[in-house]
Structures are given as structure tokens and as C-alpha cells.
Amino acid sequence: MTYLGISMSTSTPFKSNGALRNRLLLVACMMLAMQSHAGLFDKAPQPIILEATTDREEAFKTLFLNENLMARDQNKPYEGPTRPLAMASLKLQFITDTSASSTSGNKGATVDVNYKLVGLTPETMQAVADDFAASFAAALAARGHPLLEQDKVLANDDFRKLVVETSGPQESGGLVKALASNSGVTVFSKGTADTFTMSGYGKGADLAKALGATTVHANLIIGFAKLANSGSFRSAEVDHGVKLSLSPRSMFMVMGDDGSIKQFQFRQEIVLSSQIGAKVEDVGRSGGQTALLIFNALAGGSAGSIKNYQVTPVANYRELVAADLKMVAEVLAQGLKKN
């Protein structure tokens, strides 16, 4: 028999009472260790509910500070040389299509749930991104960090060319790989650019050195629906509903002109408070989806279902999301020491 990675035979006796005592003690210690960390490995971290009353510093600690002894130093707030800050890359990715699937183990039935956000214009997304830039700049200034005017940042020829190359709102896919299918629209705040390259973060580091400044970079992935596989061996189920959130794949980063780099990767999801869905409609199945279900049934497969929902945002979507992202900006600003 194998228990906790230790092979234990029920038929072969131990050579001595001492050996038996030592092995039992080892197993007991491992069991105590598992009990002391109950819930640590068996489920994902709970999301942070960000509201007006949420303590921003505590939210930052929960979101970024890893309790792992090996990671504590690298996750402390940035304490590099005191330099003006330059906004280099503020990237917002709006998920507009997302889906989740669940399959039961004993019957093989599959449930697919698809959500689509309709009526959100590229102009609104760009406005939200620009609002976030203003909020982030204000939050950093409130902590005593001087900011370079964006015109001075754009005076750098290489960066200005990069900004021109960074097009406006554009379609993008694969924003959150944990879901079966997802796509959306990527937007950069005005005057910022895509400073991330296949070979690393050289463009952002070059900009920091050229400006004698500390560059700030952020990538926020904004979800509009909450989908989770809640199925079991007996049944296929997907929990779902409209919920504004930031994916744990979001991050922000600081680069100093001395070559220092500090990257803050979200440890969990942030759930935002605004209700952005004015209308949620079950739009039924497409002809192709119905044909697929019929084909599976004729082929001897188990019954399944496909649900499609359309979400229409509220008229004041920009104002609501901008207010939520202002709180996010105040949390992120905790990543730089207060001057």
C-alpha cells in the first residue's frame, strides 16, 4: 500500500520496532503538516472583493505579497532610486466572448455555456483606458512620486515611433487560457505603447535609461462574466453569471533607469462592485450547435446542452468601470514606496 508517497506493505513485517516507530512518526508528521495547511492546496485562492471601503494597502498585500520565504523580497514594493515616473505601457484587454464547458464522468454528457458582450464600442473602451491612466497617475502622485508629462515621454523618438505602431482598439484572442474559449479587444491608454517584446522587456528598460526615469507598465484583463466548471462525476454543470472582474493573469511592472525590474503578477482574481449588465438574454442555440447535439445523440453519445447568453452593458458603463479601475489604480500604487 502506498500512503503519502511512502510504500507500506501490509504483509511484510518491519525488521525492528525502531524502524516501525520511525516510519509511523514520519507519516504522523506529514499528516500534521497537511492539516496545518488545510485548504492551501485543495482550492484556488478566494477572489478579492474590491469596494470603496476596502483598505488599499491590505488589498495590495493580499494580491501580491507571496508568503513563500523565497519570494518575499522580490514581492516587496519597489524601492529603487527616486526618479520621476513615466507611463510607458498601460494595456487594457476587455474580454467580450467567453465560454466554459463541463463533462460528467459516468455519462459523458457535456454542458457548454457561452457569454457574449454586445454594444460596447471601441471608443468607450479607449475612454476607459484613458481614464485608468489618469487615475493611476493621480494615485502615484498621491504617494509622492513626480510624474513626467506624457509630452516629455513622447519626446523620445524611439518611444514615439512605438506609440504610432501601437494601433487603436484591436481584436485579440486567448486572453485567459483557463477558459475553453475567450476573445476580446485590446486597448492602450493614449500616449503609451506595447513595450513587451518576445526577447524580454528591453524597450521599457531602454526608455527608462533614456529618460532618467522609472517606467510603469500595466496589463489588466477585464472580464464581464463569471463562469466556473462545477460539474462532478455524476453530472455536468457550469456556474455562470455577469460579474465584472480582473483576471489573475493581470500584472504590472516597474523598471528603473539603473536596470532594476520589479514585476507584480496578480495572485488571484479581483471582483469589482459595479453591475455593468443592463440586459442578459438567453439567445438560444445556433443551427450548427443544434446539429452538433443531434449528431452526438445519433452517434450514441449522451445528451448534452448548449446555452448562449448576450449581455448588453449599461448606458453609463464608462463611468462605472472607470470608478472601479480607479480603486484598482490605488491598490497598484502601493507597489511603489511612499515618498
Protein backbone atom coordinates (compact mmCIF):
# COMPACT_ATOMS: atom_id res chain seq x y z
CA MET A 1 0.00 0.00 0.00
CA THR A 2 1.26 3.49 -0.82
CA TYR A 3 0.31 6.34 1.51
CA LEU A 4 1.57 9.92 1.26
CA GLY A 5 4.25 8.77 -1.14
CA ILE A 6 5.57 6.11 1.28
CA SER A 7 5.28 2.48 0.21
CA MET A 8 3.94 0.41 3.11
CA SER A 9 3.46 -3.33 2.86
CA THR A 10 0.71 -4.98 4.91
CA SER A 11 2.23 -8.40 4.58
CA THR A 12 5.95 -7.86 5.16
CA PRO A 13 6.89 -7.18 8.82
CA PHE A 14 9.36 -4.42 9.76
CA LYS A 15 12.81 -5.61 10.76
CA SER A 16 12.67 -3.85 14.13
CA ASN A 17 10.36 -1.91 16.40
CA GLY A 18 12.65 1.10 15.90
CA ALA A 19 12.08 1.09 12.15
CA LEU A 20 8.31 0.81 12.67
CA ARG A 21 8.36 3.70 15.13
CA ASN A 22 10.39 5.90 12.79
CA ARG A 23 8.13 5.30 9.79
CA LEU A 24 4.96 5.88 11.78
CA LEU A 25 6.45 9.09 13.17
CA LEU A 26 7.25 10.28 9.64
CA VAL A 27 3.71 9.58 8.45
CA ALA A 28 2.26 11.34 11.52
CA CYS A 29 4.40 14.43 10.85
CA MET A 30 3.29 14.54 7.23
CA MET A 31 -0.36 14.25 8.24
CA LEU A 32 0.03 17.10 10.75
CA ALA A 33 1.67 19.21 8.08
CA MET A 34 -1.23 18.58 5.74
CA GLN A 35 -3.73 19.50 8.45
CA SER A 36 -1.87 22.72 9.26
CA HIS A 37 -2.09 23.70 5.59
CA ALA A 38 -5.68 22.57 5.09
CA GLY A 39 -7.26 24.43 2.22
CA LEU A 40 -3.94 25.71 0.92
CA PHE A 41 -3.55 23.22 -1.92
CA ASP A 42 -7.06 21.90 -2.43
CA LYS A 43 -8.68 25.07 -3.82
CA ALA A 44 -7.79 28.26 -5.63
CA PRO A 45 -7.32 31.49 -3.65
CA GLN A 46 -10.55 33.34 -2.97
CA PRO A 47 -11.03 36.47 -5.10
CA ILE A 48 -10.53 39.94 -3.66
CA ILE A 49 -13.80 41.87 -3.46
CA LEU A 50 -12.75 45.46 -4.17
CA GLU A 51 -15.14 48.09 -2.80
CA ALA A 52 -14.92 51.73 -1.75
CA THR A 53 -14.32 50.71 1.87
CA THR A 54 -11.57 48.20 1.04
CA ASP A 55 -8.20 49.03 2.60
CA ARG A 56 -5.93 49.58 -0.40
CA GLU A 57 -2.71 48.57 1.35
CA GLU A 58 -4.20 45.35 2.67
CA ALA A 59 -5.63 44.58 -0.76
CA PHE A 60 -2.16 45.04 -2.25
CA LYS A 61 -0.62 42.67 0.27
CA THR A 62 -3.25 40.04 -0.43
CA LEU A 63 -2.95 40.46 -4.19
CA PHE A 64 0.83 40.45 -4.49
CA LEU A 65 2.78 39.57 -1.37
CA ASN A 66 3.71 35.91 -1.51
CA GLU A 67 4.15 34.18 1.85
CA ASN A 68 6.77 31.90 0.34
CA LEU A 69 10.05 32.74 2.10
CA MET A 70 11.96 32.53 -1.18
CA ALA A 71 9.65 35.12 -2.82
CA ARG A 72 9.14 37.67 -0.05
CA ASP A 73 11.93 40.04 -1.04
CA GLN A 74 11.04 40.14 -4.71
CA ASN A 75 7.40 40.90 -3.91
CA LYS A 76 8.02 43.89 -1.65
CA PRO A 77 7.12 47.35 -3.02
CA TYR A 78 9.63 48.83 -5.45
CA GLU A 79 12.37 50.71 -3.61
CA GLY A 80 14.69 51.65 -6.46
CA PRO A 81 16.29 55.07 -6.98
CA THR A 82 13.95 58.04 -6.56
CA ARG A 83 13.22 59.17 -10.10
CA PRO A 84 10.28 60.77 -11.89
CA LEU A 85 7.79 58.20 -13.16
CA ALA A 86 6.97 57.74 -16.82
CA MET A 87 3.85 55.95 -18.04
CA ALA A 88 5.19 53.56 -20.68
CA SER A 89 2.61 50.83 -21.26
CA LEU A 90 -0.94 50.81 -19.90
CA LYS A 91 -2.74 47.97 -21.61
CA LEU A 92 -6.38 47.02 -21.02
CA GLN A 93 -7.80 43.83 -22.50
CA PHE A 94 -11.58 43.66 -22.50
CA ILE A 95 -12.97 40.12 -22.71
CA THR A 96 -16.07 40.21 -24.93
CA ASP A 97 -16.59 36.48 -25.63
CA THR A 98 -16.08 33.74 -23.09
CA SER A 99 -17.21 30.17 -22.52
CA ALA A 100 -16.85 27.23 -20.19
CA SER A 101 -17.58 23.54 -20.56
CA SER A 102 -18.27 20.68 -18.17
CA THR A 103 -18.46 16.94 -18.87
CA SER A 104 -19.75 14.31 -16.44
CA GLY A 105 -17.55 11.29 -15.91
CA ASN A 106 -20.07 8.49 -15.86
CA LYS A 107 -22.42 9.52 -18.68
CA GLY A 108 -20.20 11.69 -20.83
CA ALA A 109 -22.86 14.43 -21.07
CA THR A 110 -21.42 17.86 -21.85
CA VAL A 111 -22.71 21.30 -20.90
CA ASP A 112 -21.39 24.33 -22.78
CA VAL A 113 -22.11 27.91 -21.64
CA ASN A 114 -21.19 30.89 -23.84
CA TYR A 115 -21.39 34.60 -22.99
CA LYS A 116 -21.04 37.49 -25.43
CA LEU A 117 -20.81 41.19 -24.55
CA VAL A 118 -22.53 43.27 -27.22
CA GLY A 119 -22.83 47.00 -27.79
CA LEU A 120 -19.56 48.02 -26.15
CA THR A 121 -17.89 50.37 -28.65
CA PRO A 122 -14.14 50.71 -29.26
CA GLU A 123 -14.48 54.40 -28.39
CA THR A 124 -15.84 53.52 -24.95
CA MET A 125 -13.03 51.05 -24.35
CA GLN A 126 -10.45 53.67 -25.32
CA ALA A 127 -12.08 56.18 -22.98
CA VAL A 128 -11.93 53.68 -20.10
CA ALA A 129 -8.24 53.07 -20.81
CA ASP A 130 -7.52 56.81 -20.79
CA ASP A 131 -9.50 57.25 -17.58
CA PHE A 132 -7.42 54.49 -15.98
CA ALA A 133 -4.20 56.26 -16.99
CA ALA A 134 -5.38 59.46 -15.29
CA SER A 135 -6.40 57.55 -12.15
CA PHE A 136 -3.12 55.66 -12.00
CA ALA A 137 -1.11 58.86 -12.41
CA ALA A 138 -3.12 60.54 -9.64
CA ALA A 139 -2.68 57.55 -7.31
CA LEU A 140 1.09 57.51 -7.83
CA ALA A 141 1.33 61.30 -7.37
CA ALA A 142 -0.61 60.96 -4.11
CA ARG A 143 2.18 58.73 -2.83
CA GLY A 144 4.73 61.45 -3.53
CA HIS A 145 6.02 60.29 -6.91
CA PRO A 146 6.54 63.05 -9.50
CA LEU A 147 5.32 62.12 -12.97
CA LEU A 148 6.79 63.19 -16.26
CA GLU A 149 4.28 64.85 -18.52
CA GLN A 150 3.42 62.46 -21.33
CA ASP A 151 4.58 65.00 -23.91
CA LYS A 152 8.09 64.74 -22.45
CA VAL A 153 7.93 60.95 -22.60
CA LEU A 154 6.81 61.14 -26.22
CA ALA A 155 9.77 63.43 -26.98
CA ASN A 156 11.85 60.26 -27.06
CA ASP A 157 11.99 59.38 -30.76
CA ASP A 158 12.07 55.59 -30.33
CA PHE A 159 9.13 55.61 -27.92
CA ARG A 160 7.09 57.97 -30.07
CA LYS A 161 7.54 55.62 -33.03
CA LEU A 162 6.46 52.73 -30.82
CA VAL A 163 3.31 54.62 -29.84
CA VAL A 164 2.49 55.19 -33.51
CA GLU A 165 2.99 51.49 -34.21
CA THR A 166 0.63 50.57 -31.38
CA SER A 167 -2.70 50.75 -33.15
CA GLY A 168 -6.02 51.60 -31.53
CA PRO A 169 -8.51 49.03 -30.24
CA GLN A 170 -7.85 45.67 -31.85
CA GLU A 171 -9.31 42.18 -31.64
CA SER A 172 -7.36 39.67 -29.58
CA GLY A 173 -7.86 36.07 -28.52
CA GLY A 174 -6.71 33.68 -25.84
CA LEU A 175 -6.84 36.30 -23.09
CA VAL A 176 -7.47 33.77 -20.30
CA LYS A 177 -6.29 30.29 -21.19
CA ALA A 178 -8.12 28.68 -18.28
CA LEU A 179 -11.41 29.04 -20.16
CA ALA A 180 -12.31 26.90 -23.13
CA SER A 181 -12.70 29.88 -25.44
CA ASN A 182 -12.29 33.60 -25.00
CA SER A 183 -11.54 36.67 -27.05
CA GLY A 184 -11.79 40.38 -26.72
CA VAL A 185 -10.38 43.77 -27.57
CA THR A 186 -7.00 45.21 -26.55
CA VAL A 187 -6.59 48.94 -25.94
CA PHE A 188 -3.59 51.04 -24.84
CA SER A 189 -4.04 54.27 -22.91
CA LYS A 190 -3.31 57.28 -25.10
CA GLY A 191 0.39 58.07 -25.31
CA THR A 192 1.51 54.63 -24.14
CA ALA A 193 2.69 51.68 -26.21
CA ASP A 194 3.37 47.97 -26.28
CA THR A 195 6.79 47.79 -24.61
CA PHE A 196 6.80 44.00 -24.29
CA THR A 197 8.87 42.05 -26.76
CA MET A 198 9.49 38.39 -27.49
CA SER A 199 13.03 38.75 -26.16
CA GLY A 200 12.03 40.42 -22.90
CA TYR A 201 11.38 43.93 -21.68
CA GLY A 202 14.17 45.72 -23.49
CA LYS A 203 12.05 48.57 -24.90
CA GLY A 204 10.80 49.60 -21.48
CA ALA A 205 14.29 49.38 -19.98
CA ASP A 206 15.75 51.46 -22.82
CA LEU A 207 13.09 54.12 -22.30
CA ALA A 208 13.81 54.31 -18.55
CA LYS A 209 17.53 54.78 -19.22
CA ALA A 210 16.99 57.38 -21.95
CA LEU A 211 14.61 59.42 -19.78
CA GLY A 212 16.47 59.01 -16.49
CA ALA A 213 13.11 57.94 -15.12
CA THR A 214 11.27 54.93 -13.72
CA THR A 215 8.85 53.47 -16.24
CA VAL A 216 5.50 52.00 -15.25
CA HIS A 217 3.78 49.20 -17.18
CA ALA A 218 0.42 47.52 -16.56
CA ASN A 219 -1.70 44.85 -18.24
CA LEU A 220 -5.26 44.48 -16.95
CA ILE A 221 -7.58 41.77 -18.29
CA ILE A 222 -11.20 42.82 -17.68
CA GLY A 223 -13.81 40.08 -17.58
CA PHE A 224 -17.58 40.63 -17.66
CA ALA A 225 -18.90 37.14 -16.84
CA LYS A 226 -18.13 34.61 -14.13
CA LEU A 227 -18.03 31.03 -15.42
CA ALA A 228 -16.79 28.01 -13.50
CA ASN A 229 -16.91 24.26 -14.08
CA SER A 230 -18.93 22.95 -11.12
CA GLY A 231 -19.66 19.51 -12.53
CA SER A 232 -18.94 16.16 -10.94
CA PHE A 233 -18.67 12.53 -11.95
CA ARG A 234 -22.46 12.30 -11.82
CA SER A 235 -23.44 15.49 -13.60
CA ALA A 236 -22.11 18.22 -15.88
CA GLU A 237 -22.69 21.74 -14.57
CA VAL A 238 -21.35 25.25 -15.15
CA ASP A 239 -21.93 28.08 -12.68
CA HIS A 240 -22.35 31.35 -14.55
CA GLY A 241 -23.49 34.94 -14.30
CA VAL A 242 -22.50 38.51 -15.12
CA LYS A 243 -19.67 39.78 -12.91
CA LEU A 244 -17.06 42.44 -13.62
CA SER A 245 -13.58 41.27 -12.64
CA LEU A 246 -9.84 41.38 -13.31
CA SER A 247 -8.20 38.12 -14.29
CA PRO A 248 -5.34 36.75 -12.14
CA ARG A 249 -3.30 36.90 -15.35
CA SER A 250 -3.22 40.68 -14.95
CA MET A 251 0.04 42.30 -13.82
CA PHE A 252 2.02 45.50 -13.52
CA MET A 253 5.72 46.23 -13.60
CA VAL A 254 8.22 48.93 -12.70
CA MET A 255 11.57 49.47 -14.46
CA GLY A 256 14.31 51.71 -13.12
CA ASP A 257 16.92 53.57 -15.15
CA ASP A 258 19.51 51.57 -13.19
CA GLY A 259 18.31 48.35 -14.84
CA SER A 260 16.14 47.22 -11.92
CA ILE A 261 12.89 45.46 -12.78
CA LYS A 262 10.03 44.67 -10.43
CA GLN A 263 7.12 42.60 -11.74
CA PHE A 264 3.90 42.14 -9.80
CA GLN A 265 1.75 39.25 -11.01
CA PHE A 266 -1.77 39.02 -9.62
CA ARG A 267 -2.10 36.05 -7.26
CA GLN A 268 -5.88 35.92 -7.54
CA GLU A 269 -8.89 37.45 -9.20
CA ILE A 270 -10.24 40.89 -8.29
CA VAL A 271 -14.04 41.12 -8.31
CA LEU A 272 -15.31 44.65 -8.91
CA SER A 273 -18.51 46.04 -7.47
CA SER A 274 -20.27 47.66 -10.42
CA GLN A 275 -23.20 45.95 -12.10
CA ILE A 276 -22.49 46.55 -15.79
CA GLY A 277 -25.17 44.36 -17.38
CA ALA A 278 -28.30 46.24 -18.42
CA LYS A 279 -29.79 43.15 -20.07
CA VAL A 280 -28.87 39.46 -20.14
CA GLU A 281 -30.62 37.38 -22.81
CA ASP A 282 -30.68 33.66 -23.47
CA VAL A 283 -30.42 33.76 -27.26
CA GLY A 284 -30.89 30.04 -27.84
CA ARG A 285 -28.78 27.71 -29.93
CA SER A 286 -27.48 28.29 -33.40
CA GLY A 287 -28.36 25.86 -36.19
CA GLY A 288 -24.84 24.47 -36.12
CA GLN A 289 -24.97 23.87 -32.38
CA THR A 290 -28.31 22.07 -32.66
CA ALA A 291 -26.97 19.91 -35.47
CA LEU A 292 -23.95 19.00 -33.35
CA LEU A 293 -26.15 17.89 -30.44
CA ILE A 294 -28.31 15.79 -32.81
CA PHE A 295 -25.22 14.23 -34.38
CA ASN A 296 -23.84 13.29 -30.97
CA ALA A 297 -27.15 11.72 -29.97
CA LEU A 298 -27.36 9.70 -33.21
CA ALA A 299 -23.79 8.56 -32.68
CA GLY A 300 -24.77 7.09 -29.33
CA GLY A 301 -23.48 9.91 -27.18
CA SER A 302 -25.18 11.14 -24.05
CA ALA A 303 -27.48 14.12 -24.03
CA GLY A 304 -25.82 17.49 -23.61
CA SER A 305 -26.79 21.14 -23.69
CA ILE A 306 -25.52 24.43 -25.08
CA LYS A 307 -26.52 27.78 -23.58
CA ASN A 308 -25.78 31.11 -25.27
CA TYR A 309 -26.18 34.46 -23.50
CA GLN A 310 -25.85 38.03 -24.72
CA VAL A 311 -25.03 40.81 -22.26
CA THR A 312 -25.83 44.42 -23.10
CA PRO A 313 -23.88 46.91 -20.95
CA VAL A 314 -25.47 49.77 -19.04
CA ALA A 315 -25.50 53.21 -20.62
CA ASN A 316 -23.02 54.58 -18.06
CA TYR A 317 -20.59 51.67 -18.48
CA ARG A 318 -17.62 54.02 -18.89
CA GLU A 319 -18.29 55.88 -15.65
CA LEU A 320 -18.87 52.72 -13.63
CA VAL A 321 -15.81 50.86 -14.90
CA ALA A 322 -13.62 53.95 -14.61
CA ALA A 323 -14.65 54.27 -10.94
CA ASP A 324 -13.81 50.61 -10.32
CA LEU A 325 -10.45 50.87 -12.07
CA LYS A 326 -9.67 53.98 -10.02
CA MET A 327 -9.77 51.74 -6.95
CA VAL A 328 -7.53 49.23 -8.76
CA ALA A 329 -5.07 52.03 -9.56
CA GLU A 330 -4.94 52.97 -5.87
CA VAL A 331 -4.13 49.36 -5.00
CA LEU A 332 -1.42 49.09 -7.65
CA ALA A 333 0.15 52.36 -6.50
CA GLN A 334 1.00 50.61 -3.21
CA GLY A 335 3.68 48.80 -5.25
CA LEU A 336 5.93 51.86 -5.06
CA LYS A 337 7.18 53.03 -1.67
CA LYS A 338 5.63 56.21 -0.37
CA ASN A 339 7.91 59.23 -0.65
